[in-house]
N, C-alpha and C. Protein backbone atom coordinates (compact mmCIF):
# COMPACT_ATOMS: atom_id res chain seq x y z
N UNK A 1 8.14 6.45 14.89
CA UNK A 1 8.15 5.61 13.68
C UNK A 1 9.24 5.87 12.45
N UNK A 2 9.24 4.79 11.75
CA UNK A 2 10.50 4.76 10.96
C UNK A 2 9.91 3.57 9.61
N UNK A 3 10.60 4.18 8.41
CA UNK A 3 10.38 3.31 7.27
C UNK A 3 11.96 3.16 6.92
N UNK A 4 12.02 1.73 6.40
CA UNK A 4 13.32 1.44 6.26
C UNK A 4 13.80 1.30 4.76
N UNK A 5 14.81 1.76 3.96
CA UNK A 5 14.98 1.55 2.70
C UNK A 5 16.10 0.59 2.63
N UNK A 6 16.67 0.01 1.20
CA UNK A 6 17.98 -0.93 1.31
C UNK A 6 19.45 0.14 1.88
N UNK A 7 19.08 1.40 1.20
CA UNK A 7 20.32 2.30 1.70
C UNK A 7 20.20 3.58 3.02
N UNK A 8 19.00 3.64 3.25
CA UNK A 8 18.66 4.40 4.03
C UNK A 8 17.41 4.41 5.08
N UNK A 9 17.16 5.11 5.78
CA UNK A 9 15.87 5.12 6.46
C UNK A 9 14.94 6.45 6.28
N UNK A 10 13.82 6.27 6.70
CA UNK A 10 12.98 7.87 6.82
C UNK A 10 12.52 8.00 8.19
N UNK A 11 12.52 8.88 8.95
CA UNK A 11 11.74 8.79 10.35
C UNK A 11 11.03 9.66 10.25
N UNK A 12 10.06 9.07 11.18
CA UNK A 12 8.71 10.29 11.43
C UNK A 12 9.03 11.45 11.52
N UNK A 13 9.79 12.40 12.03
CA UNK A 13 10.30 13.70 12.34
C UNK A 13 10.48 13.99 11.16
N UNK A 14 11.58 13.59 10.16
CA UNK A 14 11.79 13.98 8.79
C UNK A 14 10.55 14.15 8.13
N UNK A 15 9.51 13.16 8.04
CA UNK A 15 8.40 12.93 7.09
C UNK A 15 7.31 14.36 7.17
N UNK A 16 7.04 14.18 8.97
CA UNK A 16 6.21 15.63 9.65
C UNK A 16 6.96 16.69 8.94
N UNK A 17 8.05 16.95 9.05
CA UNK A 17 8.79 18.07 9.06
C UNK A 17 8.19 18.67 7.05
N UNK A 18 8.97 17.28 6.31
CA UNK A 18 8.67 17.66 5.07
C UNK A 18 7.45 17.78 4.51
N UNK A 19 6.09 17.08 5.18
CA UNK A 19 4.65 17.27 4.61
C UNK A 19 4.50 18.75 5.28
N UNK A 20 4.71 19.07 6.24
CA UNK A 20 4.22 20.33 6.99
C UNK A 20 4.92 21.38 5.83
N UNK A 21 6.24 21.61 5.81
CA UNK A 21 6.67 22.51 4.83
C UNK A 21 6.07 22.58 3.72
N UNK A 22 5.81 21.42 3.00
CA UNK A 22 5.41 21.20 1.53
C UNK A 22 3.46 21.94 1.73
N UNK A 23 2.92 21.41 2.86
CA UNK A 23 1.72 22.04 2.98
C UNK A 23 1.68 23.48 2.95
N UNK A 24 2.54 24.41 3.83
CA UNK A 24 2.64 25.48 4.00
C UNK A 24 2.61 26.24 2.58
N UNK A 25 3.90 25.70 2.21
CA UNK A 25 4.26 26.17 0.92
C UNK A 25 3.62 25.94 -0.37
N UNK A 26 2.23 25.29 0.01
CA UNK A 26 1.52 24.65 -1.17
C UNK A 26 2.15 24.13 -2.29
N UNK A 27 2.64 23.18 -2.17
CA UNK A 27 3.49 22.47 -3.56
C UNK A 27 2.45 21.35 -3.88
N UNK A 28 1.22 21.34 -3.18
CA UNK A 28 0.21 20.27 -3.66
C UNK A 28 -0.78 20.48 -3.56
N UNK A 29 -1.93 19.84 -4.04
CA UNK A 29 -3.56 20.07 -4.36
C UNK A 29 -3.67 19.14 -2.89
N UNK A 30 -3.56 17.59 -3.59
CA UNK A 30 -3.50 16.45 -2.76
C UNK A 30 -2.86 15.55 -2.95
N UNK A 31 -2.84 14.87 -2.03
CA UNK A 31 -1.71 13.73 -1.64
C UNK A 31 -2.21 12.72 -1.23
N UNK A 32 -1.72 11.33 -1.90
CA UNK A 32 -2.27 10.27 -1.65
C UNK A 32 -1.28 9.12 -1.44
N UNK A 33 -0.97 8.45 -0.28
CA UNK A 33 0.09 7.98 -0.07
C UNK A 33 0.07 6.04 0.18
N UNK A 34 0.27 5.14 -0.62
CA UNK A 34 0.08 3.96 -0.55
C UNK A 34 1.68 3.09 0.24
N UNK A 35 1.36 2.89 1.58
CA UNK A 35 2.55 2.45 2.35
C UNK A 35 2.88 0.59 2.78
N UNK A 36 3.05 0.15 1.74
CA UNK A 36 3.47 -1.34 2.46
C UNK A 36 4.70 -1.32 3.33
N UNK A 37 4.85 -1.76 4.56
CA UNK A 37 5.67 -1.65 5.58
C UNK A 37 5.34 -2.00 6.91
N UNK A 38 5.99 -3.01 7.64
CA UNK A 38 5.69 -3.05 9.16
C UNK A 38 5.86 -1.96 9.63
N UNK A 39 4.69 -1.77 10.48
CA UNK A 39 4.81 -0.68 11.76
C UNK A 39 4.05 0.52 10.65
N UNK A 40 3.99 0.48 9.36
CA UNK A 40 3.67 1.76 8.82
C UNK A 40 2.77 2.84 9.27
N UNK A 41 1.87 2.34 10.27
CA UNK A 41 0.88 3.53 10.18
C UNK A 41 1.49 4.00 11.45
N UNK A 42 2.58 3.71 11.67
CA UNK A 42 3.35 4.56 12.80
C UNK A 42 3.61 6.23 12.14
N UNK A 43 4.10 6.15 11.03
CA UNK A 43 4.40 7.25 10.12
C UNK A 43 3.24 8.34 10.24
N UNK A 44 1.97 8.06 9.96
CA UNK A 44 0.60 8.68 9.91
C UNK A 44 -0.17 8.65 10.89
N UNK A 45 -0.32 7.89 12.38
CA UNK A 45 -1.18 8.08 12.88
C UNK A 45 -2.05 9.54 13.37
N UNK A 46 -0.93 10.12 13.80
CA UNK A 46 -1.06 11.33 13.96
C UNK A 46 -1.35 12.76 12.63
N UNK A 47 -1.25 12.17 11.52
CA UNK A 47 -1.27 13.09 9.97
C UNK A 47 -2.71 14.00 10.26
N UNK A 48 -2.51 15.30 10.34
CA UNK A 48 -3.96 15.92 10.45
C UNK A 48 -4.86 15.91 9.24
N UNK A 49 -5.63 15.80 9.25
CA UNK A 49 -6.69 15.89 8.59
C UNK A 49 -6.89 17.03 7.34
N UNK A 50 -6.31 17.88 7.96
CA UNK A 50 -6.78 19.43 7.34
C UNK A 50 -5.65 19.82 6.57
N UNK A 51 -4.39 18.75 6.02
CA UNK A 51 -3.40 18.72 5.45
C UNK A 51 -3.71 18.41 3.88
N UNK A 52 -4.86 17.76 3.56
CA UNK A 52 -5.12 17.31 1.88
C UNK A 52 -4.23 15.99 1.97
N UNK A 53 -3.92 15.38 2.84
CA UNK A 53 -3.25 14.28 2.90
C UNK A 53 -3.79 13.01 3.22
N UNK A 54 -3.95 11.83 2.66
CA UNK A 54 -4.27 10.64 2.84
C UNK A 54 -3.34 9.51 3.23
N UNK A 55 -2.83 8.61 4.02
CA UNK A 55 -2.06 7.87 3.74
C UNK A 55 -3.24 6.16 4.03
N UNK A 56 -2.83 5.44 3.19
CA UNK A 56 -3.14 3.96 3.19
C UNK A 56 -2.34 3.16 3.48
N UNK A 57 -2.36 2.48 4.97
CA UNK A 57 -0.96 1.99 5.06
C UNK A 57 -1.51 0.27 4.91
N UNK A 58 -0.39 -0.59 5.13
CA UNK A 58 -0.69 -2.38 5.19
C UNK A 58 -0.89 -2.58 6.34
N UNK A 59 -0.17 -2.07 7.51
CA UNK A 59 -0.52 -2.00 9.01
C UNK A 59 -0.66 -1.04 9.87
N UNK A 60 -1.31 -1.44 11.06
CA UNK A 60 -0.71 -0.45 12.11
C UNK A 60 0.16 0.07 12.84
N UNK A 61 0.28 1.03 13.49
CA UNK A 61 1.44 1.55 14.19
C UNK A 61 2.03 0.24 15.03
N UNK A 62 1.83 -0.73 15.40
CA UNK A 62 2.01 -1.63 16.09
C UNK A 62 2.28 -3.08 15.84
N UNK A 63 2.33 -3.37 14.58
CA UNK A 63 2.46 -4.78 14.09
C UNK A 63 3.14 -4.69 12.56
N UNK A 64 3.35 -5.94 12.32
CA UNK A 64 4.30 -6.12 11.14
C UNK A 64 3.07 -6.72 9.89
N UNK A 65 4.11 -6.28 8.89
CA UNK A 65 3.12 -6.78 7.71
C UNK A 65 3.42 -8.33 7.34
N UNK A 66 2.61 -8.96 6.28
CA UNK A 66 3.03 -10.07 6.14
C UNK A 66 3.46 -10.38 4.61
N UNK A 67 4.55 -11.22 4.89
CA UNK A 67 4.60 -11.74 3.10
C UNK A 67 4.20 -12.75 2.41
N UNK A 68 3.63 -12.92 1.30
CA UNK A 68 2.87 -13.77 0.82
C UNK A 68 3.35 -14.35 -0.65
N UNK A 69 2.60 -15.43 -0.94
CA UNK A 69 2.81 -16.00 -2.36
C UNK A 69 4.01 -16.43 -2.17
N UNK A 70 4.56 -17.47 -1.75
CA UNK A 70 5.97 -18.30 -1.79
C UNK A 70 6.01 -18.80 -2.98
N UNK A 71 6.81 -18.20 -3.68
CA UNK A 71 7.05 -19.11 -5.16
C UNK A 71 8.32 -20.24 -5.04
N UNK A 72 8.00 -21.22 -5.40
CA UNK A 72 9.09 -22.20 -5.05
C UNK A 72 10.07 -22.48 -6.10
N UNK A 73 9.62 -22.14 -7.42
CA UNK A 73 10.71 -21.75 -8.27
C UNK A 73 11.72 -20.23 -7.99
N UNK A 74 11.31 -19.68 -7.51
CA UNK A 74 12.49 -18.62 -7.51
C UNK A 74 12.51 -18.37 -5.73
N UNK A 75 11.92 -19.41 -5.22
CA UNK A 75 12.82 -19.46 -3.93
C UNK A 75 12.42 -18.29 -3.19
N UNK A 76 11.49 -17.24 -2.75
CA UNK A 76 11.40 -16.32 -2.18
C UNK A 76 9.97 -16.12 -2.12
N UNK A 77 9.48 -14.97 -1.33
CA UNK A 77 8.23 -14.39 -1.37
C UNK A 77 8.14 -13.47 -2.47
N UNK A 78 6.78 -13.20 -3.00
CA UNK A 78 7.05 -12.28 -3.86
C UNK A 78 6.08 -11.14 -3.81
N UNK A 79 5.80 -11.22 -2.88
CA UNK A 79 5.40 -9.30 -1.98
C UNK A 79 4.52 -9.87 -0.75
N UNK A 80 4.03 -8.59 -0.30
CA UNK A 80 3.25 -8.54 0.79
C UNK A 80 1.96 -8.53 0.68
N UNK A 81 1.14 -9.28 1.26
CA UNK A 81 -0.06 -9.53 1.42
C UNK A 81 -1.19 -8.57 0.96
N UNK A 82 -0.77 -7.06 1.62
CA UNK A 82 -1.20 -5.76 1.77
C UNK A 82 -1.46 -5.46 0.15
N UNK A 83 -0.26 -5.28 -0.23
CA UNK A 83 0.63 -4.72 -1.50
C UNK A 83 -0.28 -5.39 -2.64
N UNK A 84 0.13 -6.80 -2.67
CA UNK A 84 -0.61 -7.94 -3.78
C UNK A 84 -2.55 -7.91 -3.59
N UNK A 85 -2.89 -7.43 -2.49
CA UNK A 85 -4.32 -7.20 -2.77
C UNK A 85 -4.57 -5.78 -3.54
N UNK A 86 -3.76 -4.84 -2.93
CA UNK A 86 -4.04 -3.32 -3.68
C UNK A 86 -3.56 -3.45 -4.87
N UNK A 87 -2.56 -4.32 -5.68
CA UNK A 87 -2.22 -4.41 -6.85
C UNK A 87 -3.83 -5.42 -7.64
N UNK A 88 -3.98 -6.43 -7.36
CA UNK A 88 -5.47 -6.91 -7.83
C UNK A 88 -6.40 -6.27 -7.61
N UNK A 89 -6.97 -5.58 -6.55
CA UNK A 89 -7.58 -4.73 -6.65
C UNK A 89 -7.93 -3.54 -8.11
N UNK A 90 -6.68 -3.02 -7.95
CA UNK A 90 -6.22 -2.02 -9.30
C UNK A 90 -6.43 -2.73 -10.40
N UNK A 91 -5.45 -3.76 -10.74
CA UNK A 91 -5.46 -4.64 -11.94
C UNK A 91 -7.06 -5.07 -12.20
N UNK A 92 -7.65 -5.71 -11.36
CA UNK A 92 -9.26 -5.72 -11.68
C UNK A 92 -10.17 -4.62 -12.11
N UNK A 93 -10.15 -3.65 -12.28
CA UNK A 93 -10.78 -2.40 -12.53
C UNK A 93 -9.86 -1.69 -13.97
N UNK A 94 -8.64 -2.14 -13.65
CA UNK A 94 -7.98 -1.25 -15.05
C UNK A 94 -8.53 -1.90 -16.08
N UNK A 95 -8.73 -0.69 -17.44
CA UNK A 95 -8.13 1.13 -17.21
C UNK A 95 -9.25 1.66 -16.71
N UNK A 96 -10.36 1.26 -16.15
CA UNK A 96 -11.50 2.45 -15.91
C UNK A 96 -11.06 2.39 -13.89
N UNK A 97 -9.87 3.25 -13.59
CA UNK A 97 -9.85 3.27 -12.28
C UNK A 97 -10.54 5.01 -11.67
N UNK A 98 -11.23 5.46 -12.79
CA UNK A 98 -12.35 6.22 -11.97
C UNK A 98 -13.62 6.02 -11.82
N UNK A 99 -13.65 4.51 -11.66
CA UNK A 99 -14.95 3.71 -11.05
C UNK A 99 -14.78 3.20 -9.78
N UNK A 100 -13.68 3.58 -8.86
CA UNK A 100 -13.58 3.32 -7.52
C UNK A 100 -13.12 4.46 -6.81
N UNK A 101 -13.39 4.67 -5.83
CA UNK A 101 -13.31 5.95 -4.79
C UNK A 101 -11.87 5.58 -4.08
N UNK A 102 -11.11 6.46 -3.40
CA UNK A 102 -9.86 5.91 -2.44
C UNK A 102 -10.97 5.29 -1.57
N UNK A 103 -12.16 5.59 -0.91
CA UNK A 103 -12.64 4.94 0.31
C UNK A 103 -13.13 2.99 -0.05
N UNK A 104 -13.54 3.07 -1.23
CA UNK A 104 -14.08 1.75 -2.12
C UNK A 104 -13.03 0.88 -1.95
N UNK A 105 -11.48 1.63 -2.94
CA UNK A 105 -10.30 0.73 -2.58
C UNK A 105 -10.16 0.21 -1.43
N UNK A 106 -9.91 1.31 -0.56
CA UNK A 106 -9.50 1.00 0.91
C UNK A 106 -10.01 -0.38 1.29
N UNK A 107 -11.12 0.11 1.52
CA UNK A 107 -12.58 -1.17 2.42
C UNK A 107 -12.07 -2.82 1.79
N UNK A 108 -12.47 -2.30 -0.12
CA UNK A 108 -12.12 -4.02 -0.08
C UNK A 108 -10.29 -4.11 -0.14
N UNK A 109 -9.58 -3.46 -0.16
CA UNK A 109 -8.16 -3.88 0.12
C UNK A 109 -8.11 -4.20 1.67
N UNK A 110 -8.75 -3.61 2.38
CA UNK A 110 -8.94 -3.97 4.10
C UNK A 110 -10.00 -5.03 4.47
N UNK A 111 -10.74 -5.55 3.51
CA UNK A 111 -11.28 -6.97 4.03
C UNK A 111 -10.24 -7.78 3.41
N UNK A 112 -9.69 -7.97 2.06
CA UNK A 112 -8.92 -9.02 1.81
C UNK A 112 -7.49 -9.06 2.89
N UNK A 113 -6.97 -8.29 3.16
CA UNK A 113 -5.62 -8.40 4.03
C UNK A 113 -6.47 -8.62 5.57
N UNK A 114 -6.33 -10.12 5.82
CA UNK A 114 -6.58 -10.34 7.05
C UNK A 114 -5.43 -10.49 8.20
N UNK A 115 -4.15 -10.97 7.96
CA UNK A 115 -3.04 -10.66 8.36
C UNK A 115 -2.61 -9.70 9.22
N UNK A 116 -2.87 -8.54 8.77
CA UNK A 116 -2.52 -7.47 9.37
C UNK A 116 -3.93 -6.41 9.10
N UNK A 117 -3.45 -5.51 9.99
CA UNK A 117 -4.64 -4.34 10.01
C UNK A 117 -4.51 -3.16 9.34
N UNK A 118 -5.04 -3.49 7.92
CA UNK A 118 -4.83 -1.87 6.99
C UNK A 118 -5.41 -0.56 7.54
N UNK A 119 -4.70 0.11 7.64
CA UNK A 119 -5.43 1.71 8.09
C UNK A 119 -5.20 2.64 7.10
N UNK A 120 -6.02 3.56 7.66
CA UNK A 120 -6.33 4.73 6.56
C UNK A 120 -6.06 5.81 7.52
N UNK A 121 -5.50 7.15 7.00
CA UNK A 121 -5.12 8.15 8.14
C UNK A 121 -4.98 9.60 7.22
N UNK A 122 -5.32 10.91 7.93
CA UNK A 122 -5.64 11.92 7.17
C UNK A 122 -6.70 12.57 6.65
N UNK A 123 -6.59 12.69 5.57
CA UNK A 123 -8.09 13.70 5.36
C UNK A 123 -8.98 12.48 4.80
N UNK A 124 -10.07 12.25 5.36
CA UNK A 124 -11.27 11.32 5.34
C UNK A 124 -12.62 11.96 4.78
N UNK A 125 -12.34 12.94 4.32
CA UNK A 125 -13.52 13.77 4.25
C UNK A 125 -13.57 14.22 2.45
N UNK A 126 -12.95 14.82 2.13
CA UNK A 126 -12.36 15.15 0.50
C UNK A 126 -11.54 13.82 -0.40
N UNK A 127 -10.29 13.49 -0.16
CA UNK A 127 -9.62 12.39 -0.34
C UNK A 127 -10.44 11.45 -1.03
N UNK A 128 -11.09 11.12 0.43
CA UNK A 128 -11.52 9.62 0.70
C UNK A 128 -12.18 9.18 -0.39
N UNK A 129 -13.32 9.98 -0.99
CA UNK A 129 -14.42 9.99 -1.83
C UNK A 129 -13.99 10.30 -3.00
N UNK A 130 -12.61 10.70 -3.55
CA UNK A 130 -12.22 10.79 -4.80
C UNK A 130 -11.90 9.56 -5.58
N UNK A 131 -12.28 9.45 -6.88
CA UNK A 131 -11.97 8.35 -7.69
C UNK A 131 -10.34 8.47 -7.53
N UNK A 132 -10.21 7.10 -7.60
CA UNK A 132 -8.16 6.44 -7.51
C UNK A 132 -7.80 6.97 -8.92
N UNK A 133 -8.54 7.38 -9.80
CA UNK A 133 -7.99 7.97 -11.21
C UNK A 133 -7.14 9.31 -10.86
N UNK A 134 -7.77 10.09 -9.88
CA UNK A 134 -6.95 11.37 -9.40
C UNK A 134 -5.96 11.11 -9.28
N UNK A 135 -5.64 10.18 -8.77
CA UNK A 135 -4.17 10.14 -8.26
C UNK A 135 -3.29 9.10 -9.05
N UNK A 136 -3.94 8.02 -9.59
CA UNK A 136 -2.93 6.86 -10.42
C UNK A 136 -3.20 7.32 -11.79
N UNK A 137 -4.27 8.06 -12.43
CA UNK A 137 -4.25 8.56 -13.85
C UNK A 137 -5.65 7.55 -14.37
N UNK A 138 -6.00 8.00 -15.34
CA UNK A 138 -7.36 7.10 -16.09
C UNK A 138 -6.96 5.71 -16.91
N UNK A 139 -5.57 5.80 -17.02
CA UNK A 139 -5.51 4.38 -17.51
C UNK A 139 -5.42 4.68 -18.98
N UNK A 140 -5.93 5.36 -19.82
CA UNK A 140 -6.15 5.89 -21.13
C UNK A 140 -4.84 5.57 -22.11
N UNK A 141 -4.13 6.22 -21.23
CA UNK A 141 -2.57 6.31 -22.20
C UNK A 141 -2.01 5.08 -22.65
N UNK A 142 -2.32 4.10 -21.72
CA UNK A 142 -1.69 2.31 -21.58
C UNK A 142 -2.93 1.75 -22.24
N UNK A 143 -4.45 1.78 -22.02
CA UNK A 143 -5.27 0.69 -22.32
C UNK A 143 -5.41 0.57 -23.67
N UNK A 144 -4.50 1.00 -24.55
CA UNK A 144 -4.77 0.32 -26.03
C UNK A 144 -3.51 -0.66 -26.17
N UNK A 145 -2.75 -0.83 -25.18
CA UNK A 145 -1.47 -1.97 -25.36
C UNK A 145 -1.58 -2.97 -24.01
N UNK A 146 -3.02 -2.77 -23.53
CA UNK A 146 -3.20 -3.30 -22.21
C UNK A 146 -3.57 -4.78 -22.36
N UNK A 147 -3.02 -5.71 -22.05
CA UNK A 147 -3.66 -7.34 -22.25
C UNK A 147 -3.98 -7.69 -21.11
N UNK A 148 -5.59 -7.99 -20.87
CA UNK A 148 -5.62 -8.46 -19.03
C UNK A 148 -5.60 -10.16 -18.89
N UNK A 149 -5.30 -10.72 -20.32
CA UNK A 149 -4.55 -11.86 -20.03
C UNK A 149 -3.22 -11.94 -19.22
N UNK A 150 -2.44 -11.13 -19.28
CA UNK A 150 -1.08 -10.83 -18.99
C UNK A 150 -1.00 -10.64 -17.17
N UNK A 151 -1.76 -10.16 -17.07
CA UNK A 151 -2.07 -9.48 -15.76
C UNK A 151 -1.94 -10.71 -14.45
N UNK A 152 -0.87 -11.04 -13.91
CA UNK A 152 -0.62 -11.90 -13.13
C UNK A 152 -1.85 -12.17 -12.08
N UNK A 153 -2.67 -13.32 -11.47
CA UNK A 153 -3.58 -13.33 -10.72
C UNK A 153 -2.78 -13.88 -9.21
N UNK A 154 -2.14 -13.28 -8.46
CA UNK A 154 -1.74 -13.87 -6.99
C UNK A 154 -2.81 -13.42 -6.04
N UNK A 155 -3.28 -14.51 -5.37
CA UNK A 155 -4.50 -14.21 -4.55
C UNK A 155 -3.66 -14.73 -3.29
N UNK A 156 -3.28 -13.99 -2.21
CA UNK A 156 -2.43 -14.15 -1.30
C UNK A 156 -3.31 -15.23 -0.31
N UNK A 157 -2.61 -16.47 -0.11
CA UNK A 157 -3.19 -17.42 0.56
C UNK A 157 -2.38 -17.47 1.82
N UNK A 158 -3.86 -17.46 3.05
CA UNK A 158 -3.05 -17.30 5.13
C UNK A 158 -2.29 -18.56 4.97
N UNK A 159 -2.05 -19.44 4.53
CA UNK A 159 -1.07 -20.30 4.69
C UNK A 159 0.05 -20.20 4.30
N UNK A 160 0.35 -19.77 3.36
CA UNK A 160 1.48 -19.36 2.83
C UNK A 160 1.82 -18.00 3.11
N UNK A 161 1.49 -17.37 4.45
CA UNK A 161 1.90 -15.96 4.96
C UNK A 161 2.70 -16.30 5.90
N UNK A 162 3.72 -15.28 6.07
CA UNK A 162 4.59 -15.06 7.42
C UNK A 162 5.08 -13.74 7.76
N UNK A 163 5.04 -13.46 8.94
CA UNK A 163 5.32 -12.21 9.07
C UNK A 163 6.80 -11.65 8.44
N UNK A 164 6.96 -10.44 7.95
CA UNK A 164 7.81 -10.14 7.03
C UNK A 164 8.96 -10.22 7.52
N UNK A 165 9.16 -9.59 8.98
CA UNK A 165 10.36 -9.72 9.57
C UNK A 165 11.08 -11.60 9.65
N UNK A 166 10.45 -12.36 9.46
CA UNK A 166 10.52 -13.81 9.71
C UNK A 166 10.41 -14.42 7.90
N UNK A 167 10.40 -13.61 7.03
CA UNK A 167 10.37 -13.99 5.59
C UNK A 167 11.68 -14.82 5.01
N UNK A 168 12.71 -13.87 5.56
CA UNK A 168 13.86 -14.27 5.37
C UNK A 168 14.23 -15.97 5.95
N UNK A 169 14.33 -16.15 6.96
CA UNK A 169 14.40 -17.17 8.02
C UNK A 169 13.32 -18.13 7.32
N UNK A 170 12.05 -17.87 6.84
CA UNK A 170 11.55 -18.97 6.35
C UNK A 170 11.86 -19.15 4.92
N UNK A 171 12.17 -18.29 4.53
CA UNK A 171 12.51 -18.97 2.84
C UNK A 171 14.14 -19.77 3.15
N UNK A 172 14.91 -19.65 3.86
CA UNK A 172 16.01 -20.47 4.45
C UNK A 172 15.63 -21.63 4.48
N UNK A 173 14.61 -21.77 5.50
CA UNK A 173 14.32 -23.37 5.79
C UNK A 173 13.66 -23.95 4.98
N UNK A 174 12.71 -23.24 3.86
CA UNK A 174 12.05 -23.83 2.73
C UNK A 174 13.28 -24.60 1.56
N UNK A 175 14.19 -23.78 1.52
CA UNK A 175 15.31 -24.49 0.73
C UNK A 175 16.18 -25.56 1.11
N UNK A 176 16.18 -26.13 2.46
CA UNK A 176 16.78 -27.10 2.64
C UNK A 176 16.17 -28.38 2.26
């Protein structure tokens, strides 16, 4: 497994060693990962359920994630389907993040994400049943200034989706 970043990469062995060290040294109580990347499941498919870590990924270990919502004005894709579904789900319940569990959020986003197979790994006994506010906060600090009318409503459309590795080529084709 590997996760690519603009100027670096994270290999499975390094992530595993770091998570094991953090667990052994009790550096966290619980940890929740949200990972939008092609083949993101490859980083967590062997995650022990006994480490108090849960990882929700955009794709399994053998497939790409998908870019969605092509913006003609900007000439680019605005995001990937899974992450847009996750953001929409979170915004729909904000600032009441205590009303949805990690499990409920995973199931909702998984159902909306039809292009790839959203996956969840690790602790499915404790963290899975925690409210997402345990990890994202309650929203109280910003709720007073929150304007629901400002929240974007990107509903990924399947016919506007393209496998993420092909997004650059598709973008260039659209510009012709």
